[in-house]
C-alpha atoms as a PDB file:
ATOM      1  CA  UNK A   1       0.000   0.000   0.000  1.00  0.00           C
ATOM      2  CA  UNK A   2       0.943   3.663  -0.318  1.00  0.00           C
ATOM      3  CA  UNK A   3      -0.840   6.102   1.919  1.00  0.00           C
ATOM      4  CA  UNK A   4       0.209   9.425   0.322  1.00  0.00           C
ATOM      5  CA  UNK A   5       1.095  10.664  -3.197  1.00  0.00           C
ATOM      6  CA  UNK A   6       4.638  11.575  -4.089  1.00  0.00           C
ATOM      7  CA  UNK A   7       7.961   9.899  -4.341  1.00  0.00           C
ATOM      8  CA  UNK A   8       8.734   6.626  -2.661  1.00  0.00           C
ATOM      9  CA  UNK A   9       7.546   3.091  -3.011  1.00  0.00           C
ATOM     10  CA  UNK A  10       4.778   1.040  -1.447  1.00  0.00           C
ATOM     11  CA  UNK A  11       4.983  -0.343   2.099  1.00  0.00           C
ATOM     12  CA  UNK A  12       4.196  -3.853   3.233  1.00  0.00           C
ATOM     13  CA  UNK A  13       1.133  -4.466   5.377  1.00  0.00           C
ATOM     14  CA  UNK A  14       2.154  -5.462   8.884  1.00  0.00           C
ATOM     15  CA  UNK A  15       1.207  -8.719  10.608  1.00  0.00           C
ATOM     16  CA  UNK A  16      -2.508  -8.969  11.339  1.00  0.00           C
ATOM     17  CA  UNK A  17      -3.314  -7.040   8.157  1.00  0.00           C
ATOM     18  CA  UNK A  18      -3.662  -7.788   4.455  1.00  0.00           C
ATOM     19  CA  UNK A  19      -4.420  -6.090   1.152  1.00  0.00           C
ATOM     20  CA  UNK A  20      -5.501  -7.856  -2.023  1.00  0.00           C
ATOM     21  CA  UNK A  21      -6.232  -4.745  -4.116  1.00  0.00           C
ATOM     22  CA  UNK A  22      -3.518  -3.121  -6.262  1.00  0.00           C
ATOM     23  CA  UNK A  23      -3.032   0.605  -5.695  1.00  0.00           C
ATOM     24  CA  UNK A  24      -4.618   0.581  -2.228  1.00  0.00           C
ATOM     25  CA  UNK A  25      -3.973   3.462   0.161  1.00  0.00           C
ATOM     26  CA  UNK A  26      -4.130   1.331   3.337  1.00  0.00           C
ATOM     27  CA  UNK A  27      -4.316  -2.238   4.650  1.00  0.00           C
ATOM     28  CA  UNK A  28      -7.298  -4.190   5.960  1.00  0.00           C
ATOM     29  CA  UNK A  29      -7.420  -5.902   9.345  1.00  0.00           C
ATOM     30  CA  UNK A  30      -7.852  -9.672   9.337  1.00  0.00           C
ATOM     31  CA  UNK A  31     -11.478 -10.506  10.159  1.00  0.00           C
ATOM     32  CA  UNK A  32     -12.523 -12.534  13.206  1.00  0.00           C
ATOM     33  CA  UNK A  33     -11.182 -16.098  13.235  1.00  0.00           C
ATOM     34  CA  UNK A  34      -8.513 -15.216  10.662  1.00  0.00           C
ATOM     35  CA  UNK A  35      -4.859 -14.259  11.203  1.00  0.00           C
ATOM     36  CA  UNK A  36      -1.728 -13.255   9.343  1.00  0.00           C
ATOM     37  CA  UNK A  37       1.616 -13.565  11.078  1.00  0.00           C
ATOM     38  CA  UNK A  38       3.689 -12.293   8.094  1.00  0.00           C
ATOM     39  CA  UNK A  39       3.930  -8.803   6.672  1.00  0.00           C
ATOM     40  CA  UNK A  40       3.167  -7.907   3.057  1.00  0.00           C
ATOM     41  CA  UNK A  41       0.395 -10.447   2.636  1.00  0.00           C
ATOM     42  CA  UNK A  42      -2.575 -10.289   0.318  1.00  0.00           C
ATOM     43  CA  UNK A  43      -4.767 -12.597   2.379  1.00  0.00           C
ATOM     44  CA  UNK A  44      -5.353 -13.812   5.931  1.00  0.00           C
ATOM     45  CA  UNK A  45      -5.441 -17.483   6.961  1.00  0.00           C
ATOM     46  CA  UNK A  46      -8.361 -19.125   8.727  1.00  0.00           C
ATOM     47  CA  UNK A  47      -7.747 -20.063  12.350  1.00  0.00           C
ATOM     48  CA  UNK A  48      -7.396 -23.797  13.001  1.00  0.00           C
ATOM     49  CA  UNK A  49      -8.783 -24.506  16.450  1.00  0.00           C
ATOM     50  CA  UNK A  50      -8.250 -28.257  16.334  1.00  0.00           C
ATOM     51  CA  UNK A  51      -6.208 -29.582  19.249  1.00  0.00           C
ATOM     52  CA  UNK A  52      -5.690 -33.140  20.528  1.00  0.00           C
ATOM     53  CA  UNK A  53      -7.449 -34.503  23.632  1.00  0.00           C
ATOM     54  CA  UNK A  54      -6.400 -32.784  26.837  1.00  0.00           C
ATOM     55  CA  UNK A  55      -5.527 -29.516  25.093  1.00  0.00           C
ATOM     56  CA  UNK A  56      -7.301 -26.311  24.145  1.00  0.00           C
ATOM     57  CA  UNK A  57      -6.517 -23.571  21.639  1.00  0.00           C
ATOM     58  CA  UNK A  58      -5.395 -20.161  22.771  1.00  0.00           C
ATOM     59  CA  UNK A  59      -6.732 -17.011  21.145  1.00  0.00           C
ATOM     60  CA  UNK A  60      -6.291 -16.785  17.379  1.00  0.00           C
ATOM     61  CA  UNK A  61      -6.561 -13.562  15.392  1.00  0.00           C
ATOM     62  CA  UNK A  62      -4.601 -10.549  14.258  1.00  0.00           C
ATOM     63  CA  UNK A  63      -0.955 -11.516  13.858  1.00  0.00           C
ATOM     64  CA  UNK A  64      -1.136 -14.672  15.985  1.00  0.00           C
ATOM     65  CA  UNK A  65      -2.385 -18.148  15.098  1.00  0.00           C
ATOM     66  CA  UNK A  66      -2.604 -19.222  18.727  1.00  0.00           C
ATOM     67  CA  UNK A  67      -1.302 -22.473  20.172  1.00  0.00           C
ATOM     68  CA  UNK A  68      -2.539 -25.763  21.598  1.00  0.00           C
ATOM     69  CA  UNK A  69      -2.047 -25.671  25.353  1.00  0.00           C
ATOM     70  CA  UNK A  70      -2.637 -28.284  28.046  1.00  0.00           C
ATOM     71  CA  UNK A  71      -5.903 -28.059  29.950  1.00  0.00           C
ATOM     72  CA  UNK A  72      -5.179 -26.720  33.459  1.00  0.00           C
ATOM     73  CA  UNK A  73      -5.587 -28.926  36.526  1.00  0.00           C
ATOM     74  CA  UNK A  74      -9.236 -29.367  37.437  1.00  0.00           C
ATOM     75  CA  UNK A  75     -10.282 -29.358  33.767  1.00  0.00           C
ATOM     76  CA  UNK A  76     -10.339 -31.845  30.891  1.00  0.00           C
ATOM     77  CA  UNK A  77     -11.069 -32.218  27.193  1.00  0.00           C
ATOM     78  CA  UNK A  78     -12.054 -35.544  25.702  1.00  0.00           C
ATOM     79  CA  UNK A  79     -12.162 -36.851  22.155  1.00  0.00           C
ATOM     80  CA  UNK A  80     -14.519 -34.916  19.912  1.00  0.00           C
ATOM     81  CA  UNK A  81     -15.123 -32.323  22.623  1.00  0.00           C
ATOM     82  CA  UNK A  82     -15.546 -28.584  22.190  1.00  0.00           C
ATOM     83  CA  UNK A  83     -12.657 -26.215  21.547  1.00  0.00           C
ATOM     84  CA  UNK A  84     -12.212 -25.333  25.188  1.00  0.00           C
ATOM     85  CA  UNK A  85     -11.566 -27.437  28.281  1.00  0.00           C
ATOM     86  CA  UNK A  86     -14.406 -28.310  30.644  1.00  0.00           C
ATOM     87  CA  UNK A  87     -14.314 -28.198  34.449  1.00  0.00           C
ATOM     88  CA  UNK A  88     -14.481 -31.542  36.211  1.00  0.00           C
ATOM     89  CA  UNK A  89     -17.913 -32.200  37.690  1.00  0.00           C
ATOM     90  CA  UNK A  90     -18.560 -32.556  41.422  1.00  0.00           C
ATOM     91  CA  UNK A  91     -17.306 -35.934  42.624  1.00  0.00           C
ATOM     92  CA  UNK A  92     -14.372 -35.833  40.188  1.00  0.00           C
ATOM     93  CA  UNK A  93     -10.954 -34.180  39.912  1.00  0.00           C
ATOM     94  CA  UNK A  94      -7.961 -33.716  37.593  1.00  0.00           C
ATOM     95  CA  UNK A  95      -4.584 -33.528  39.320  1.00  0.00           C
ATOM     96  CA  UNK A  96      -2.512 -33.242  36.117  1.00  0.00           C
ATOM     97  CA  UNK A  97      -2.444 -30.804  33.215  1.00  0.00           C
ATOM     98  CA  UNK A  98      -3.546 -32.003  29.794  1.00  0.00           C
ATOM     99  CA  UNK A  99      -6.138 -34.440  31.113  1.00  0.00           C
ATOM    100  CA  UNK A 100      -8.506 -36.233  28.730  1.00  0.00           C
ATOM    101  CA  UNK A 101     -10.930 -37.274  31.491  1.00  0.00           C
ATOM    102  CA  UNK A 102     -11.426 -36.613  35.204  1.00  0.00           C
ATOM    103  CA  UNK A 103     -10.804 -39.137  37.975  1.00  0.00           C
ATOM    104  CA  UNK A 104     -13.467 -40.193  40.468  1.00  0.00           C
ATOM    105  CA  UNK A 105     -13.439 -39.534  44.214  1.00  0.00           C
ATOM    106  CA  UNK A 106     -14.178 -42.852  45.971  1.00  0.00           C
ATOM    107  CA  UNK A 107     -16.983 -41.545  48.205  1.00  0.00           C
ATOM    108  CA  UNK A 108     -15.631 -43.526  51.177  1.00  0.00           C
ATOM    109  CA  UNK A 109     -12.440 -41.816  52.319  1.00  0.00           C
ATOM    110  CA  UNK A 110     -12.698 -38.735  50.081  1.00  0.00           C
ATOM    111  CA  UNK A 111     -15.243 -36.629  48.181  1.00  0.00           C
ATOM    112  CA  UNK A 112     -15.514 -33.429  46.155  1.00  0.00           C
ATOM    113  CA  UNK A 113     -18.579 -31.186  46.296  1.00  0.00           C
ATOM    114  CA  UNK A 114     -17.256 -28.460  43.969  1.00  0.00           C
ATOM    115  CA  UNK A 115     -16.550 -28.395  40.237  1.00  0.00           C
ATOM    116  CA  UNK A 116     -13.169 -27.764  38.607  1.00  0.00           C
ATOM    117  CA  UNK A 117     -11.056 -29.194  41.428  1.00  0.00           C
ATOM    118  CA  UNK A 118      -7.510 -30.608  41.429  1.00  0.00           C
ATOM    119  CA  UNK A 119      -8.039 -33.130  44.216  1.00  0.00           C
ATOM    120  CA  UNK A 120     -10.595 -34.802  46.473  1.00  0.00           C
ATOM    121  CA  UNK A 121     -11.272 -33.681  50.035  1.00  0.00           C
ATOM    122  CA  UNK A 122     -10.784 -36.128  52.944  1.00  0.00           C
ATOM    123  CA  UNK A 123     -14.030 -37.337  54.509  1.00  0.00           C
ATOM    124  CA  UNK A 124     -14.753 -36.092  58.046  1.00  0.00           C
ATOM    125  CA  UNK A 125     -14.468 -38.542  60.955  1.00  0.00           C
ATOM    126  CA  UNK A 126     -17.085 -38.436  63.711  1.00  0.00           C
ATOM    127  CA  UNK A 127     -15.620 -38.078  67.214  1.00  0.00           C
ATOM    128  CA  UNK A 128     -16.438 -40.391  70.118  1.00  0.00           C
ATOM    129  CA  UNK A 129     -19.083 -37.841  71.196  1.00  0.00           C
ATOM    130  CA  UNK A 130     -20.791 -37.902  67.801  1.00  0.00           C
ATOM    131  CA  UNK A 131     -22.714 -40.280  65.556  1.00  0.00           C
ATOM    132  CA  UNK A 132     -23.100 -40.480  61.789  1.00  0.00           C
ATOM    133  CA  UNK A 133     -26.291 -38.873  60.484  1.00  0.00           C
ATOM    134  CA  UNK A 134     -25.454 -39.325  56.794  1.00  0.00           C
ATOM    135  CA  UNK A 135     -22.691 -41.332  55.182  1.00  0.00           C
ATOM    136  CA  UNK A 136     -20.289 -39.841  52.625  1.00  0.00           C
ATOM    137  CA  UNK A 137     -20.726 -39.989  48.851  1.00  0.00           C
ATOM    138  CA  UNK A 138     -18.495 -38.949  45.968  1.00  0.00           C
ATOM    139  CA  UNK A 139     -20.058 -35.447  46.086  1.00  0.00           C
ATOM    140  CA  UNK A 140     -20.815 -34.991  49.808  1.00  0.00           C
ATOM    141  CA  UNK A 141     -19.068 -35.288  53.161  1.00  0.00           C
ATOM    142  CA  UNK A 142     -20.071 -37.417  56.135  1.00  0.00           C
ATOM    143  CA  UNK A 143     -22.453 -35.549  58.448  1.00  0.00           C
ATOM    144  CA  UNK A 144     -21.940 -35.977  62.206  1.00  0.00           C
ATOM    145  CA  UNK A 145     -24.173 -34.821  65.076  1.00  0.00           C
ATOM    146  CA  UNK A 146     -23.376 -34.661  68.775  1.00  0.00           C
ATOM    147  CA  UNK A 147     -24.901 -37.353  70.961  1.00  0.00           C
ATOM    148  CA  UNK A 148     -27.860 -36.300  73.089  1.00  0.00           C
ATOM    149  CA  UNK A 149     -26.980 -36.020  76.792  1.00  0.00           C
ATOM    150  CA  UNK A 150     -29.699 -37.226  79.167  1.00  0.00           C
ATOM    151  CA  UNK A 151     -30.799 -34.845  81.926  1.00  0.00           C
ATOM    152  CA  UNK A 152     -30.833 -35.747  85.614  1.00  0.00           C
ATOM    153  CA  UNK A 153     -34.588 -36.300  85.288  1.00  0.00           C
ATOM    154  CA  UNK A 154     -34.150 -38.768  82.402  1.00  0.00           C
ATOM    155  CA  UNK A 155     -32.794 -42.255  81.813  1.00  0.00           C
ATOM    156  CA  UNK A 156     -31.150 -43.818  78.760  1.00  0.00           C
ATOM    157  CA  UNK A 157     -33.469 -46.139  76.830  1.00  0.00           C
ATOM    158  CA  UNK A 158     -31.061 -46.595  73.877  1.00  0.00           C
ATOM    159  CA  UNK A 159     -27.284 -46.397  74.175  1.00  0.00           C
ATOM    160  CA  UNK A 160     -25.287 -44.080  71.952  1.00  0.00           C
ATOM    161  CA  UNK A 161     -23.078 -45.546  69.210  1.00  0.00           C
ATOM    162  CA  UNK A 162     -21.224 -44.374  66.128  1.00  0.00           C
ATOM    163  CA  UNK A 163     -24.325 -45.008  64.029  1.00  0.00           C
ATOM    164  CA  UNK A 164     -27.181 -43.823  66.249  1.00  0.00           C
ATOM    165  CA  UNK A 165     -28.011 -41.248  68.867  1.00  0.00           C
ATOM    166  CA  UNK A 166     -28.684 -41.813  72.556  1.00  0.00           C
ATOM    167  CA  UNK A 167     -32.417 -41.927  73.355  1.00  0.00           C
ATOM    168  CA  UNK A 168     -33.545 -40.444  76.667  1.00  0.00           C
ATOM    169  CA  UNK A 169     -36.903 -40.723  78.429  1.00  0.00           C
ATOM    170  CA  UNK A 170     -38.252 -38.867  81.453  1.00  0.00           C
ATOM    171  CA  UNK A 171     -38.243 -40.796  84.732  1.00  0.00           C
ATOM    172  CA  UNK A 172     -41.624 -42.014  85.907  1.00  0.00           C
ATOM    173  CA  UNK A 173     -42.925 -39.870  88.761  1.00  0.00           C
ATOM    174  CA  UNK A 174     -44.773 -41.743  91.500  1.00  0.00           C
ATOM    175  CA  UNK A 175     -48.127 -40.237  92.499  1.00  0.00           C
ATOM    176  CA  UNK A 176     -49.044 -39.277  96.077  1.00  0.00           C
ATOM    177  CA  UNK A 177     -50.707 -42.668  96.500  1.00  0.00           C
ATOM    178  CA  UNK A 178     -47.603 -44.588  95.360  1.00  0.00           C
ATOM    179  CA  UNK A 179     -44.105 -45.342  96.587  1.00  0.00           C
ATOM    180  CA  UNK A 180     -40.893 -46.113  94.691  1.00  0.00           C
ATOM    181  CA  UNK A 181     -40.042 -49.815  94.775  1.00  0.00           C
ATOM    182  CA  UNK A 182     -36.939 -49.082  92.668  1.00  0.00           C
ATOM    183  CA  UNK A 183     -35.007 -45.837  92.534  1.00  0.00           C
ATOM    184  CA  UNK A 184     -34.362 -44.087  89.233  1.00  0.00           C
ATOM    185  CA  UNK A 185     -30.858 -43.776  87.797  1.00  0.00           C
ATOM    186  CA  UNK A 186     -29.322 -42.836  84.446  1.00  0.00           C
ATOM    187  CA  UNK A 187     -29.781 -46.344  83.023  1.00  0.00           C
ATOM    188  CA  UNK A 188     -33.145 -47.429  84.459  1.00  0.00           C
ATOM    189  CA  UNK A 189     -36.537 -45.995  85.272  1.00  0.00           C
ATOM    190  CA  UNK A 190     -38.191 -45.548  88.672  1.00  0.00           C
ATOM    191  CA  UNK A 191     -40.761 -48.254  89.545  1.00  0.00           C
ATOM    192  CA  UNK A 192     -43.853 -47.256  91.496  1.00  0.00           C
ATOM    193  CA  UNK A 193     -46.423 -49.280  93.409  1.00  0.00           C
ATOM    194  CA  UNK A 194     -49.691 -48.248  95.062  1.00  0.00           C
ATOM    195  CA  UNK A 195     -49.605 -47.733  98.824  1.00  0.00           C
ATOM    196  CA  UNK A 196     -51.300 -50.371 100.906  1.00  0.00           C
ATOM    197  CA  UNK A 197     -54.677 -49.140 102.205  1.00  0.00           C
ATOM    198  CA  UNK A 198     -55.480 -50.206 105.723  1.00  0.00           C
ATOM    199  CA  UNK A 199     -58.926 -51.696 106.199  1.00  0.00           C
ATOM    200  CA  UNK A 200     -61.443 -50.506 108.775  1.00  0.00           C
ATOM    201  CA  UNK A 201     -60.266 -53.235 111.156  1.00  0.00           C
ATOM    202  CA  UNK A 202     -56.633 -52.147 110.932  1.00  0.00           C
ATOM    203  CA  UNK A 203     -54.455 -49.348 112.150  1.00  0.00           C
ATOM    204  CA  UNK A 204     -51.323 -47.788 110.647  1.00  0.00           C
ATOM    205  CA  UNK A 205     -48.135 -48.848 112.338  1.00  0.00           C
ATOM    206  CA  UNK A 206     -45.850 -47.248 109.676  1.00  0.00           C
ATOM    207  CA  UNK A 207     -47.097 -44.263 107.683  1.00  0.00           C
ATOM    208  CA  UNK A 208     -46.721 -44.294 103.914  1.00  0.00           C
ATOM    209  CA  UNK A 209     -43.985 -42.220 102.177  1.00  0.00           C
ATOM    210  CA  UNK A 210     -42.430 -41.897  98.762  1.00  0.00           C
ATOM    211  CA  UNK A 211     -39.743 -44.420  99.745  1.00  0.00           C
ATOM    212  CA  UNK A 212     -41.712 -47.146 101.531  1.00  0.00           C
ATOM    213  CA  UNK A 213     -45.172 -48.612 101.812  1.00  0.00           C
ATOM    214  CA  UNK A 214     -47.752 -48.121 104.557  1.00  0.00           C
ATOM    215  CA  UNK A 215     -47.831 -50.926 107.128  1.00  0.00           C
ATOM    216  CA  UNK A 216     -51.093 -51.973 108.710  1.00  0.00           C
ATOM    217  CA  UNK A 217     -51.911 -54.129 111.689  1.00  0.00           C
ATOM    218  CA  UNK A 218     -55.204 -55.576 112.853  1.00  0.00           C
ATOM    219  CA  UNK A 219     -56.899 -53.943 115.801  1.00  0.00           C
ATOM    220  CA  UNK A 220     -56.888 -55.986 118.989  1.00  0.00           C
ATOM    221  CA  UNK A 221     -60.258 -57.418 119.999  1.00  0.00           C
ATOM    222  CA  UNK A 222     -61.273 -56.660 123.529  1.00  0.00           C
ATOM    223  CA  UNK A 223     -62.812 -59.528 125.534  1.00  0.00           C
ATOM    224  CA  UNK A 224     -65.593 -59.161 128.057  1.00  0.00           C
END
Protein backbone atom coordinates (compact mmCIF):
# COMPACT_ATOMS: atom_id res chain seq x y z
CA UNK A 1 0.00 0.00 0.00
CA UNK A 2 0.94 3.66 -0.32
CA UNK A 3 -0.84 6.10 1.92
CA UNK A 4 0.21 9.42 0.32
CA UNK A 5 1.10 10.66 -3.20
CA UNK A 6 4.64 11.58 -4.09
CA UNK A 7 7.96 9.90 -4.34
CA UNK A 8 8.73 6.63 -2.66
CA UNK A 9 7.55 3.09 -3.01
CA UNK A 10 4.78 1.04 -1.45
CA UNK A 11 4.98 -0.34 2.10
CA UNK A 12 4.20 -3.85 3.23
CA UNK A 13 1.13 -4.47 5.38
CA UNK A 14 2.15 -5.46 8.88
CA UNK A 15 1.21 -8.72 10.61
CA UNK A 16 -2.51 -8.97 11.34
CA UNK A 17 -3.31 -7.04 8.16
CA UNK A 18 -3.66 -7.79 4.45
CA UNK A 19 -4.42 -6.09 1.15
CA UNK A 20 -5.50 -7.86 -2.02
CA UNK A 21 -6.23 -4.75 -4.12
CA UNK A 22 -3.52 -3.12 -6.26
CA UNK A 23 -3.03 0.60 -5.70
CA UNK A 24 -4.62 0.58 -2.23
CA UNK A 25 -3.97 3.46 0.16
CA UNK A 26 -4.13 1.33 3.34
CA UNK A 27 -4.32 -2.24 4.65
CA UNK A 28 -7.30 -4.19 5.96
CA UNK A 29 -7.42 -5.90 9.35
CA UNK A 30 -7.85 -9.67 9.34
CA UNK A 31 -11.48 -10.51 10.16
CA UNK A 32 -12.52 -12.53 13.21
CA UNK A 33 -11.18 -16.10 13.23
CA UNK A 34 -8.51 -15.22 10.66
CA UNK A 35 -4.86 -14.26 11.20
CA UNK A 36 -1.73 -13.25 9.34
CA UNK A 37 1.62 -13.57 11.08
CA UNK A 38 3.69 -12.29 8.09
CA UNK A 39 3.93 -8.80 6.67
CA UNK A 40 3.17 -7.91 3.06
CA UNK A 41 0.39 -10.45 2.64
CA UNK A 42 -2.58 -10.29 0.32
CA UNK A 43 -4.77 -12.60 2.38
CA UNK A 44 -5.35 -13.81 5.93
CA UNK A 45 -5.44 -17.48 6.96
CA UNK A 46 -8.36 -19.12 8.73
CA UNK A 47 -7.75 -20.06 12.35
CA UNK A 48 -7.40 -23.80 13.00
CA UNK A 49 -8.78 -24.51 16.45
CA UNK A 50 -8.25 -28.26 16.33
CA UNK A 51 -6.21 -29.58 19.25
CA UNK A 52 -5.69 -33.14 20.53
CA UNK A 53 -7.45 -34.50 23.63
CA UNK A 54 -6.40 -32.78 26.84
CA UNK A 55 -5.53 -29.52 25.09
CA UNK A 56 -7.30 -26.31 24.14
CA UNK A 57 -6.52 -23.57 21.64
CA UNK A 58 -5.40 -20.16 22.77
CA UNK A 59 -6.73 -17.01 21.14
CA UNK A 60 -6.29 -16.78 17.38
CA UNK A 61 -6.56 -13.56 15.39
CA UNK A 62 -4.60 -10.55 14.26
CA UNK A 63 -0.96 -11.52 13.86
CA UNK A 64 -1.14 -14.67 15.98
CA UNK A 65 -2.38 -18.15 15.10
CA UNK A 66 -2.60 -19.22 18.73
CA UNK A 67 -1.30 -22.47 20.17
CA UNK A 68 -2.54 -25.76 21.60
CA UNK A 69 -2.05 -25.67 25.35
CA UNK A 70 -2.64 -28.28 28.05
CA UNK A 71 -5.90 -28.06 29.95
CA UNK A 72 -5.18 -26.72 33.46
CA UNK A 73 -5.59 -28.93 36.53
CA UNK A 74 -9.24 -29.37 37.44
CA UNK A 75 -10.28 -29.36 33.77
CA UNK A 76 -10.34 -31.84 30.89
CA UNK A 77 -11.07 -32.22 27.19
CA UNK A 78 -12.05 -35.54 25.70
CA UNK A 79 -12.16 -36.85 22.15
CA UNK A 80 -14.52 -34.92 19.91
CA UNK A 81 -15.12 -32.32 22.62
CA UNK A 82 -15.55 -28.58 22.19
CA UNK A 83 -12.66 -26.21 21.55
CA UNK A 84 -12.21 -25.33 25.19
CA UNK A 85 -11.57 -27.44 28.28
CA UNK A 86 -14.41 -28.31 30.64
CA UNK A 87 -14.31 -28.20 34.45
CA UNK A 88 -14.48 -31.54 36.21
CA UNK A 89 -17.91 -32.20 37.69
CA UNK A 90 -18.56 -32.56 41.42
CA UNK A 91 -17.31 -35.93 42.62
CA UNK A 92 -14.37 -35.83 40.19
CA UNK A 93 -10.95 -34.18 39.91
CA UNK A 94 -7.96 -33.72 37.59
CA UNK A 95 -4.58 -33.53 39.32
CA UNK A 96 -2.51 -33.24 36.12
CA UNK A 97 -2.44 -30.80 33.21
CA UNK A 98 -3.55 -32.00 29.79
CA UNK A 99 -6.14 -34.44 31.11
CA UNK A 100 -8.51 -36.23 28.73
CA UNK A 101 -10.93 -37.27 31.49
CA UNK A 102 -11.43 -36.61 35.20
CA UNK A 103 -10.80 -39.14 37.97
CA UNK A 104 -13.47 -40.19 40.47
CA UNK A 105 -13.44 -39.53 44.21
CA UNK A 106 -14.18 -42.85 45.97
CA UNK A 107 -16.98 -41.54 48.21
CA UNK A 108 -15.63 -43.53 51.18
CA UNK A 109 -12.44 -41.82 52.32
CA UNK A 110 -12.70 -38.74 50.08
CA UNK A 111 -15.24 -36.63 48.18
CA UNK A 112 -15.51 -33.43 46.15
CA UNK A 113 -18.58 -31.19 46.30
CA UNK A 114 -17.26 -28.46 43.97
CA UNK A 115 -16.55 -28.39 40.24
CA UNK A 116 -13.17 -27.76 38.61
CA UNK A 117 -11.06 -29.19 41.43
CA UNK A 118 -7.51 -30.61 41.43
CA UNK A 119 -8.04 -33.13 44.22
CA UNK A 120 -10.59 -34.80 46.47
CA UNK A 121 -11.27 -33.68 50.03
CA UNK A 122 -10.78 -36.13 52.94
CA UNK A 123 -14.03 -37.34 54.51
CA UNK A 124 -14.75 -36.09 58.05
CA UNK A 125 -14.47 -38.54 60.95
CA UNK A 126 -17.09 -38.44 63.71
CA UNK A 127 -15.62 -38.08 67.21
CA UNK A 128 -16.44 -40.39 70.12
CA UNK A 129 -19.08 -37.84 71.20
CA UNK A 130 -20.79 -37.90 67.80
CA UNK A 131 -22.71 -40.28 65.56
CA UNK A 132 -23.10 -40.48 61.79
CA UNK A 133 -26.29 -38.87 60.48
CA UNK A 134 -25.45 -39.33 56.79
CA UNK A 135 -22.69 -41.33 55.18
CA UNK A 136 -20.29 -39.84 52.62
CA UNK A 137 -20.73 -39.99 48.85
CA UNK A 138 -18.49 -38.95 45.97
CA UNK A 139 -20.06 -35.45 46.09
CA UNK A 140 -20.82 -34.99 49.81
CA UNK A 141 -19.07 -35.29 53.16
CA UNK A 142 -20.07 -37.42 56.14
CA UNK A 143 -22.45 -35.55 58.45
CA UNK A 144 -21.94 -35.98 62.21
CA UNK A 145 -24.17 -34.82 65.08
CA UNK A 146 -23.38 -34.66 68.78
CA UNK A 147 -24.90 -37.35 70.96
CA UNK A 148 -27.86 -36.30 73.09
CA UNK A 149 -26.98 -36.02 76.79
CA UNK A 150 -29.70 -37.23 79.17
CA UNK A 151 -30.80 -34.85 81.93
CA UNK A 152 -30.83 -35.75 85.61
CA UNK A 153 -34.59 -36.30 85.29
CA UNK A 154 -34.15 -38.77 82.40
CA UNK A 155 -32.79 -42.25 81.81
CA UNK A 156 -31.15 -43.82 78.76
CA UNK A 157 -33.47 -46.14 76.83
CA UNK A 158 -31.06 -46.59 73.88
CA UNK A 159 -27.28 -46.40 74.17
CA UNK A 160 -25.29 -44.08 71.95
CA UNK A 161 -23.08 -45.55 69.21
CA UNK A 162 -21.22 -44.37 66.13
CA UNK A 163 -24.33 -45.01 64.03
CA UNK A 164 -27.18 -43.82 66.25
CA UNK A 165 -28.01 -41.25 68.87
CA UNK A 166 -28.68 -41.81 72.56
CA UNK A 167 -32.42 -41.93 73.35
CA UNK A 168 -33.55 -40.44 76.67
CA UNK A 169 -36.90 -40.72 78.43
CA UNK A 170 -38.25 -38.87 81.45
CA UNK A 171 -38.24 -40.80 84.73
CA UNK A 172 -41.62 -42.01 85.91
CA UNK A 173 -42.92 -39.87 88.76
CA UNK A 174 -44.77 -41.74 91.50
CA UNK A 175 -48.13 -40.24 92.50
CA UNK A 176 -49.04 -39.28 96.08
CA UNK A 177 -50.71 -42.67 96.50
CA UNK A 178 -47.60 -44.59 95.36
CA UNK A 179 -44.10 -45.34 96.59
CA UNK A 180 -40.89 -46.11 94.69
CA UNK A 181 -40.04 -49.81 94.77
CA UNK A 182 -36.94 -49.08 92.67
CA UNK A 183 -35.01 -45.84 92.53
CA UNK A 184 -34.36 -44.09 89.23
CA UNK A 185 -30.86 -43.78 87.80
CA UNK A 186 -29.32 -42.84 84.45
CA UNK A 187 -29.78 -46.34 83.02
CA UNK A 188 -33.15 -47.43 84.46
CA UNK A 189 -36.54 -46.00 85.27
CA UNK A 190 -38.19 -45.55 88.67
CA UNK A 191 -40.76 -48.25 89.54
CA UNK A 192 -43.85 -47.26 91.50
CA UNK A 193 -46.42 -49.28 93.41
CA UNK A 194 -49.69 -48.25 95.06
CA UNK A 195 -49.60 -47.73 98.82
CA UNK A 196 -51.30 -50.37 100.91
CA UNK A 197 -54.68 -49.14 102.21
CA UNK A 198 -55.48 -50.21 105.72
CA UNK A 199 -58.93 -51.70 106.20
CA UNK A 200 -61.44 -50.51 108.77
CA UNK A 201 -60.27 -53.23 111.16
CA UNK A 202 -56.63 -52.15 110.93
CA UNK A 203 -54.45 -49.35 112.15
CA UNK A 204 -51.32 -47.79 110.65
CA UNK A 205 -48.13 -48.85 112.34
CA UNK A 206 -45.85 -47.25 109.68
CA UNK A 207 -47.10 -44.26 107.68
CA UNK A 208 -46.72 -44.29 103.91
CA UNK A 209 -43.98 -42.22 102.18
CA UNK A 210 -42.43 -41.90 98.76
CA UNK A 211 -39.74 -44.42 99.75
CA UNK A 212 -41.71 -47.15 101.53
CA UNK A 213 -45.17 -48.61 101.81
CA UNK A 214 -47.75 -48.12 104.56
CA UNK A 215 -47.83 -50.93 107.13
CA UNK A 216 -51.09 -51.97 108.71
CA UNK A 217 -51.91 -54.13 111.69
CA UNK A 218 -55.20 -55.58 112.85
CA UNK A 219 -56.90 -53.94 115.80
CA UNK A 220 -56.89 -55.99 118.99
CA UNK A 221 -60.26 -57.42 120.00
CA UNK A 222 -61.27 -56.66 123.53
CA UNK A 223 -62.81 -59.53 125.53
CA UNK A 224 -65.59 -59.16 128.06
